[in-house]
PDB file of N, CA and C in Angstrom:
ATOM      1  N   MET A   1     -13.196   0.298  -9.523  1.00  0.00           N
ATOM      2  CA  MET A   1     -14.585  -0.103  -9.230  1.00  0.00           C
ATOM      3  C   MET A   1     -14.618   0.012  -7.763  1.00  0.00           C
ATOM      4  N   TYR A   2     -13.673  -0.479  -7.001  1.00  0.00           N
ATOM      5  CA  TYR A   2     -13.739  -0.647  -5.489  1.00  0.00           C
ATOM      6  C   TYR A   2     -13.794   0.738  -4.889  1.00  0.00           C
ATOM      7  N   SER A   3     -13.088   1.675  -5.469  1.00  0.00           N
ATOM      8  CA  SER A   3     -12.956   3.092  -4.802  1.00  0.00           C
ATOM      9  C   SER A   3     -14.557   3.794  -5.232  1.00  0.00           C
ATOM     10  N   LYS A   4     -15.214   3.370  -6.314  1.00  0.00           N
ATOM     11  CA  LYS A   4     -16.363   4.034  -6.574  1.00  0.00           C
ATOM     12  C   LYS A   4     -17.431   3.271  -5.607  1.00  0.00           C
ATOM     13  N   ASN A   5     -17.351   2.189  -5.243  1.00  0.00           N
ATOM     14  CA  ASN A   5     -18.252   1.568  -4.288  1.00  0.00           C
ATOM     15  C   ASN A   5     -18.070   2.484  -2.837  1.00  0.00           C
ATOM     16  N   ILE A   6     -16.800   2.707  -2.437  1.00  0.00           N
ATOM     17  CA  ILE A   6     -16.704   3.245  -1.257  1.00  0.00           C
ATOM     18  C   ILE A   6     -17.138   4.694  -1.282  1.00  0.00           C
ATOM     19  N   LEU A   7     -17.025   5.478  -2.477  1.00  0.00           N
ATOM     20  CA  LEU A   7     -17.543   6.792  -2.555  1.00  0.00           C
ATOM     21  C   LEU A   7     -19.145   6.836  -2.467  1.00  0.00           C
ATOM     22  N   VAL A   8     -19.722   5.785  -3.100  1.00  0.00           N
ATOM     23  CA  VAL A   8     -21.200   5.753  -3.021  1.00  0.00           C
ATOM     24  C   VAL A   8     -21.644   5.428  -1.568  1.00  0.00           C
ATOM     25  N   LEU A   9     -20.923   4.511  -0.884  1.00  0.00           N
ATOM     26  CA  LEU A   9     -21.328   4.257   0.375  1.00  0.00           C
ATOM     27  C   LEU A   9     -20.980   5.408   1.405  1.00  0.00           C
ATOM     28  N   ALA A  10     -20.010   6.074   1.177  1.00  0.00           N
ATOM     29  CA  ALA A  10     -19.810   7.313   1.905  1.00  0.00           C
ATOM     30  C   ALA A  10     -20.858   8.345   1.817  1.00  0.00           C
ATOM     31  N   GLY A  11     -21.304   8.553   0.419  1.00  0.00           N
ATOM     32  CA  GLY A  11     -22.363   9.580   0.201  1.00  0.00           C
ATOM     33  C   GLY A  11     -23.555   9.105   0.901  1.00  0.00           C
ATOM     34  N   LEU A  12     -23.983   7.893   0.653  1.00  0.00           N
ATOM     35  CA  LEU A  12     -25.148   7.413   1.491  1.00  0.00           C
ATOM     36  C   LEU A  12     -25.113   7.538   2.914  1.00  0.00           C
ATOM     37  N   THR A  13     -24.031   7.297   3.456  1.00  0.00           N
ATOM     38  CA  THR A  13     -23.855   7.459   5.030  1.00  0.00           C
ATOM     39  C   THR A  13     -24.084   9.010   5.460  1.00  0.00           C
ATOM     40  N   LEU A  14     -23.462   9.933   4.470  1.00  0.00           N
ATOM     41  CA  LEU A  14     -23.694  11.305   4.855  1.00  0.00           C
ATOM     42  C   LEU A  14     -25.082  11.797   4.649  1.00  0.00           C
ATOM     43  N   ILE A  15     -25.854  11.227   3.700  1.00  0.00           N
ATOM     44  CA  ILE A  15     -27.190  11.664   3.346  1.00  0.00           C
ATOM     45  C   ILE A  15     -28.079  11.083   4.577  1.00  0.00           C
ATOM     46  N   ALA A  16     -27.784   9.770   5.023  1.00  0.00           N
ATOM     47  CA  ALA A  16     -28.692   9.266   6.091  1.00  0.00           C
ATOM     48  C   ALA A  16     -28.330   9.783   7.386  1.00  0.00           C
ATOM     49  N   SER A  17     -27.230  10.436   7.675  1.00  0.00           N
ATOM     50  CA  SER A  17     -27.071  10.811   9.047  1.00  0.00           C
ATOM     51  C   SER A  17     -27.885  12.015   9.503  1.00  0.00           C
ATOM     52  N   PRO A  18     -28.241  12.904   8.818  1.00  0.00           N
ATOM     53  CA  PRO A  18     -29.116  13.918   9.295  1.00  0.00           C
ATOM     54  C   PRO A  18     -30.635  13.396   9.539  1.00  0.00           C
ATOM     55  N   ALA A  19     -31.098  12.499   8.852  1.00  0.00           N
ATOM     56  CA  ALA A  19     -32.194  11.831   9.040  1.00  0.00           C
ATOM     57  C   ALA A  19     -32.351  11.125  10.391  1.00  0.00           C
ATOM     58  N   VAL A  20     -31.103  10.407  10.732  1.00  0.00           N
ATOM     59  CA  VAL A  20     -31.155   9.693  12.080  1.00  0.00           C
ATOM     60  C   VAL A  20     -31.062  10.812  13.259  1.00  0.00           C
ATOM     61  N   ALA A  21     -30.424  11.917  12.999  1.00  0.00           N
ATOM     62  CA  ALA A  21     -30.387  12.876  14.074  1.00  0.00           C
ATOM     63  C   ALA A  21     -31.631  13.495  14.305  1.00  0.00           C
ATOM     64  N   VAL A  22     -32.475  13.677  13.320  1.00  0.00           N
ATOM     65  CA  VAL A  22     -33.717  14.229  13.484  1.00  0.00           C
ATOM     66  C   VAL A  22     -34.781  13.274  14.299  1.00  0.00           C
ATOM     67  N   GLN A  23     -34.595  11.986  14.248  1.00  0.00           N
ATOM     68  CA  GLN A  23     -35.473  11.048  14.821  1.00  0.00           C
ATOM     69  C   GLN A  23     -35.227  10.821  16.203  1.00  0.00           C
ATOM     70  N   GLN A  24     -34.361  11.491  16.940  1.00  0.00           N
ATOM     71  CA  GLN A  24     -33.855  11.415  18.137  1.00  0.00           C
ATOM     72  C   GLN A  24     -35.022  11.656  19.185  1.00  0.00           C
ATOM     73  N   PRO A  25     -35.402  11.080  20.123  1.00  0.00           N
ATOM     74  CA  PRO A  25     -36.593  11.373  21.081  1.00  0.00           C
ATOM     75  C   PRO A  25     -36.216  12.614  21.858  1.00  0.00           C
ATOM     76  N   ALA A  26     -37.235  13.314  22.342  1.00  0.00           N
ATOM     77  CA  ALA A  26     -37.065  14.528  23.111  1.00  0.00           C
ATOM     78  C   ALA A  26     -36.512  14.085  24.449  1.00  0.00           C
ATOM     79  N   THR A  27     -35.888  15.144  25.162  1.00  0.00           N
ATOM     80  CA  THR A  27     -35.398  14.775  26.449  1.00  0.00           C
ATOM     81  C   THR A  27     -36.606  14.451  27.413  1.00  0.00           C
ATOM     82  N   LYS A  28     -36.440  13.652  28.429  1.00  0.00           N
ATOM     83  CA  LYS A  28     -37.375  13.367  29.379  1.00  0.00           C
ATOM     84  C   LYS A  28     -37.664  14.184  30.481  1.00  0.00           C
ATOM     85  N   GLY A  29     -36.866  15.294  30.685  1.00  0.00           N
ATOM     86  CA  GLY A  29     -36.765  16.279  31.827  1.00  0.00           C
ATOM     87  C   GLY A  29     -38.012  17.163  31.512  1.00  0.00           C
ATOM     88  N   GLN A  30     -38.334  17.853  32.495  1.00  0.00           N
ATOM     89  CA  GLN A  30     -39.497  18.905  32.296  1.00  0.00           C
ATOM     90  C   GLN A  30     -39.122  19.957  31.233  1.00  0.00           C
ATOM     91  N   PRO A  31     -39.909  20.353  30.381  1.00  0.00           N
ATOM     92  CA  PRO A  31     -39.606  21.311  29.463  1.00  0.00           C
ATOM     93  C   PRO A  31     -39.507  22.639  30.064  1.00  0.00           C
ATOM     94  N   GLN A  32     -38.565  23.392  29.651  1.00  0.00           N
ATOM     95  CA  GLN A  32     -38.478  24.670  30.215  1.00  0.00           C
ATOM     96  C   GLN A  32     -39.515  25.559  29.870  1.00  0.00           C
ATOM     97  N   ALA A  33     -40.111  26.202  30.752  1.00  0.00           N
ATOM     98  CA  ALA A  33     -41.199  27.140  30.568  1.00  0.00           C
ATOM     99  C   ALA A  33     -40.589  28.500  29.946  1.00  0.00           C
ATOM    100  N   GLN A  34     -41.356  28.911  28.915  1.00  0.00           N
ATOM    101  CA  GLN A  34     -40.882  30.245  28.125  1.00  0.00           C
ATOM    102  C   GLN A  34     -41.086  31.340  29.068  1.00  0.00           C
ATOM    103  N   GLN A  35     -39.941  32.239  29.161  1.00  0.00           N
ATOM    104  CA  GLN A  35     -40.254  33.365  30.055  1.00  0.00           C
ATOM    105  C   GLN A  35     -40.821  34.499  29.164  1.00  0.00           C
ATOM    106  N   LYS A  36     -41.802  35.088  29.821  1.00  0.00           N
ATOM    107  CA  LYS A  36     -42.529  36.105  29.092  1.00  0.00           C
ATOM    108  C   LYS A  36     -41.517  37.385  29.115  1.00  0.00           C
ATOM    109  N   THR A  37     -41.413  38.003  27.867  1.00  0.00           N
ATOM    110  CA  THR A  37     -40.430  39.177  27.790  1.00  0.00           C
ATOM    111  C   THR A  37     -41.430  40.372  27.784  1.00  0.00           C
ATOM    112  N   TYR A  38     -40.673  41.451  28.186  1.00  0.00           N
ATOM    113  CA  TYR A  38     -41.269  42.651  28.344  1.00  0.00           C
ATOM    114  C   TYR A  38     -40.502  43.677  27.538  1.00  0.00           C
ATOM    115  N   CYS A  39     -41.178  44.324  26.607  1.00  0.00           N
ATOM    116  CA  CYS A  39     -40.416  45.242  25.594  1.00  0.00           C
ATOM    117  C   CYS A  39     -40.715  46.620  25.903  1.00  0.00           C
ATOM    118  N   LEU A  40     -39.564  47.388  26.213  1.00  0.00           N
ATOM    119  CA  LEU A  40     -39.667  48.765  26.657  1.00  0.00           C
ATOM    120  C   LEU A  40     -39.044  49.615  25.355  1.00  0.00           C
ATOM    121  N   GLN A  41     -39.689  50.753  25.166  1.00  0.00           N
ATOM    122  CA  GLN A  41     -39.154  51.665  24.272  1.00  0.00           C
ATOM    123  C   GLN A  41     -38.098  52.718  24.888  1.00  0.00           C
ATOM    124  N   LEU A  42     -36.965  52.672  24.455  1.00  0.00           N
ATOM    125  CA  LEU A  42     -35.832  53.497  25.105  1.00  0.00           C
ATOM    126  C   LEU A  42     -35.607  54.835  24.437  1.00  0.00           C
ATOM    127  N   GLU A  43     -35.198  55.715  25.112  1.00  0.00           N
ATOM    128  CA  GLU A  43     -35.001  57.168  24.501  1.00  0.00           C
ATOM    129  C   GLU A  43     -34.087  57.176  23.498  1.00  0.00           C
ATOM    130  N   PRO A  44     -34.304  57.760  22.382  1.00  0.00           N
ATOM    131  CA  PRO A  44     -33.146  57.720  21.258  1.00  0.00           C
ATOM    132  C   PRO A  44     -31.908  58.500  21.735  1.00  0.00           C
ATOM    133  N   ASN A  45     -30.866  58.012  21.104  1.00  0.00           N
ATOM    134  CA  ASN A  45     -29.431  58.646  21.291  1.00  0.00           C
ATOM    135  C   ASN A  45     -29.470  60.179  20.886  1.00  0.00           C
ATOM    136  N   THR A  46     -28.692  60.928  21.478  1.00  0.00           N
ATOM    137  CA  THR A  46     -28.509  62.369  21.143  1.00  0.00           C
ATOM    138  C   THR A  46     -28.338  62.482  19.735  1.00  0.00           C
ATOM    139  N   GLY A  47     -29.089  63.219  18.914  1.00  0.00           N
ATOM    140  CA  GLY A  47     -29.097  63.646  17.560  1.00  0.00           C
ATOM    141  C   GLY A  47     -29.664  62.639  16.743  1.00  0.00           C
ATOM    142  N   SER A  48     -30.409  61.677  17.270  1.00  0.00           N
ATOM    143  CA  SER A  48     -31.113  60.639  16.486  1.00  0.00           C
ATOM    144  C   SER A  48     -32.683  60.835  16.696  1.00  0.00           C
ATOM    145  N   ARG A  49     -33.497  60.471  15.752  1.00  0.00           N
ATOM    146  CA  ARG A  49     -34.997  60.561  15.924  1.00  0.00           C
ATOM    147  C   ARG A  49     -35.414  59.041  16.068  1.00  0.00           C
ATOM    148  N   LEU A  50     -34.472  58.115  16.009  1.00  0.00           N
ATOM    149  CA  LEU A  50     -34.855  56.736  16.011  1.00  0.00           C
ATOM    150  C   LEU A  50     -34.882  56.245  17.416  1.00  0.00           C
ATOM    151  N   SER A  51     -36.035  55.726  17.805  1.00  0.00           N
ATOM    152  CA  SER A  51     -36.093  55.266  19.223  1.00  0.00           C
ATOM    153  C   SER A  51     -35.484  53.677  19.231  1.00  0.00           C
ATOM    154  N   ARG A  52     -35.083  53.170  20.312  1.00  0.00           N
ATOM    155  CA  ARG A  52     -34.740  51.650  20.390  1.00  0.00           C
ATOM    156  C   ARG A  52     -35.712  51.033  21.294  1.00  0.00           C
ATOM    157  N   THR A  53     -35.815  49.857  21.080  1.00  0.00           N
ATOM    158  CA  THR A  53     -36.641  49.053  21.840  1.00  0.00           C
ATOM    159  C   THR A  53     -35.878  47.805  22.332  1.00  0.00           C
ATOM    160  N   ALA A  54     -35.942  47.500  23.645  1.00  0.00           N
ATOM    161  CA  ALA A  54     -35.170  46.439  24.322  1.00  0.00           C
ATOM    162  C   ALA A  54     -36.354  45.531  24.890  1.00  0.00           C
ATOM    163  N   CYS A  55     -36.213  44.120  24.633  1.00  0.00           N
ATOM    164  CA  CYS A  55     -36.997  43.177  25.235  1.00  0.00           C
ATOM    165  C   CYS A  55     -36.254  42.145  26.039  1.00  0.00           C
ATOM    166  N   LYS A  56     -36.777  41.986  27.360  1.00  0.00           N
ATOM    167  CA  LYS A  56     -35.990  41.317  28.366  1.00  0.00           C
ATOM    168  C   LYS A  56     -36.969  40.699  29.366  1.00  0.00           C
ATOM    169  N   THR A  57     -36.658  39.704  29.970  1.00  0.00           N
ATOM    170  CA  THR A  57     -37.632  38.933  31.027  1.00  0.00           C
ATOM    171  C   THR A  57     -37.734  40.071  32.154  1.00  0.00           C
ATOM    172  N   LYS A  58     -38.670  39.766  33.062  1.00  0.00           N
ATOM    173  CA  LYS A  58     -38.905  40.494  34.274  1.00  0.00           C
ATOM    174  C   LYS A  58     -37.615  40.355  35.137  1.00  0.00           C
ATOM    175  N   LYS A  59     -36.977  39.367  35.275  1.00  0.00           N
ATOM    176  CA  LYS A  59     -35.776  39.038  36.047  1.00  0.00           C
ATOM    177  C   LYS A  59     -34.635  39.934  35.502  1.00  0.00           C
ATOM    178  N   GLU A  60     -34.544  39.935  34.216  1.00  0.00           N
ATOM    179  CA  GLU A  60     -33.406  40.775  33.571  1.00  0.00           C
ATOM    180  C   GLU A  60     -33.500  42.363  33.851  1.00  0.00           C
ATOM    181  N   TRP A  61     -34.880  42.782  33.726  1.00  0.00           N
ATOM    182  CA  TRP A  61     -35.159  44.085  33.964  1.00  0.00           C
ATOM    183  C   TRP A  61     -34.947  44.359  35.520  1.00  0.00           C
ATOM    184  N   ALA A  62     -34.973  43.591  36.283  1.00  0.00           N
ATOM    185  CA  ALA A  62     -34.955  43.624  37.714  1.00  0.00           C
ATOM    186  C   ALA A  62     -33.490  43.916  38.161  1.00  0.00           C
ATOM    187  N   GLN A  63     -32.643  43.091  37.306  1.00  0.00           N
ATOM    188  CA  GLN A  63     -31.085  43.289  37.424  1.00  0.00           C
ATOM    189  C   GLN A  63     -30.546  44.687  37.039  1.00  0.00           C
ATOM    190  N   GLU A  64     -31.408  45.199  36.233  1.00  0.00           N
ATOM    191  CA  GLU A  64     -30.963  46.573  35.850  1.00  0.00           C
ATOM    192  C   GLU A  64     -31.620  47.715  36.540  1.00  0.00           C
ATOM    193  N   GLY A  65     -32.473  47.235  37.541  1.00  0.00           N
ATOM    194  CA  GLY A  65     -33.070  48.132  38.490  1.00  0.00           C
ATOM    195  C   GLY A  65     -34.380  48.778  37.870  1.00  0.00           C
ATOM    196  N   ILE A  66     -35.031  48.044  37.113  1.00  0.00           N
ATOM    197  CA  ILE A  66     -36.270  48.546  36.562  1.00  0.00           C
ATOM    198  C   ILE A  66     -37.389  47.705  36.888  1.00  0.00           C
ATOM    199  N   ASP A  67     -38.437  48.141  37.535  1.00  0.00           N
ATOM    200  CA  ASP A  67     -39.694  47.644  37.984  1.00  0.00           C
ATOM    201  C   ASP A  67     -40.635  47.556  36.952  1.00  0.00           C
ATOM    202  N   VAL A  68     -40.904  46.380  36.266  1.00  0.00           N
ATOM    203  CA  VAL A  68     -41.683  46.282  35.214  1.00  0.00           C
ATOM    204  C   VAL A  68     -43.123  46.391  35.504  1.00  0.00           C
ATOM    205  N   ASP A  69     -43.559  45.883  36.680  1.00  0.00           N
ATOM    206  CA  ASP A  69     -44.808  46.013  37.259  1.00  0.00           C
ATOM    207  C   ASP A  69     -45.269  47.407  37.487  1.00  0.00           C
ATOM    208  N   GLU A  70     -44.335  48.253  37.922  1.00  0.00           N
ATOM    209  CA  GLU A  70     -44.589  49.624  38.040  1.00  0.00           C
ATOM    210  C   GLU A  70     -44.888  50.415  36.774  1.00  0.00           C
ATOM    211  N   LEU A  71     -44.168  50.148  35.871  1.00  0.00           N
ATOM    212  CA  LEU A  71     -44.421  50.679  34.656  1.00  0.00           C
ATOM    213  C   LEU A  71     -45.537  50.290  33.839  1.00  0.00           C
ATOM    214  N   LEU A  72     -46.021  49.045  34.130  1.00  0.00           N
ATOM    215  CA  LEU A  72     -47.345  48.656  33.486  1.00  0.00           C
ATOM    216  C   LEU A  72     -48.450  49.122  34.312  1.00  0.00           C
ATOM    217  N   ALA A  73     -48.462  49.631  35.441  1.00  0.00           N
ATOM    218  CA  ALA A  73     -49.434  50.131  36.037  1.00  0.00           C
ATOM    219  C   ALA A  73     -49.760  51.610  35.631  1.00  0.00           C
ATOM    220  N   LYS A  74     -48.795  52.297  35.038  1.00  0.00           N
ATOM    221  CA  LYS A  74     -49.026  53.706  34.443  1.00  0.00           C
ATOM    222  C   LYS A  74     -49.845  53.693  33.279  1.00  0.00           C
TER     223      LYS A  74
END
């Protein structure tokens, strides 16, 4: 009987723990602004008709040497 009570108590604890985790308040810091992503259609690989699309932020494209503003102006 004692072991059955322990099993029931352990089960209730496991069930209640996710509910407690969900109710935690949000952080008080400033929320991160979502970065706008720019998607570019890349040339297909040799022998393929399927093109690829890559989506990155303006900063990530700049690191690869691609000026997104110039491409948008076209």
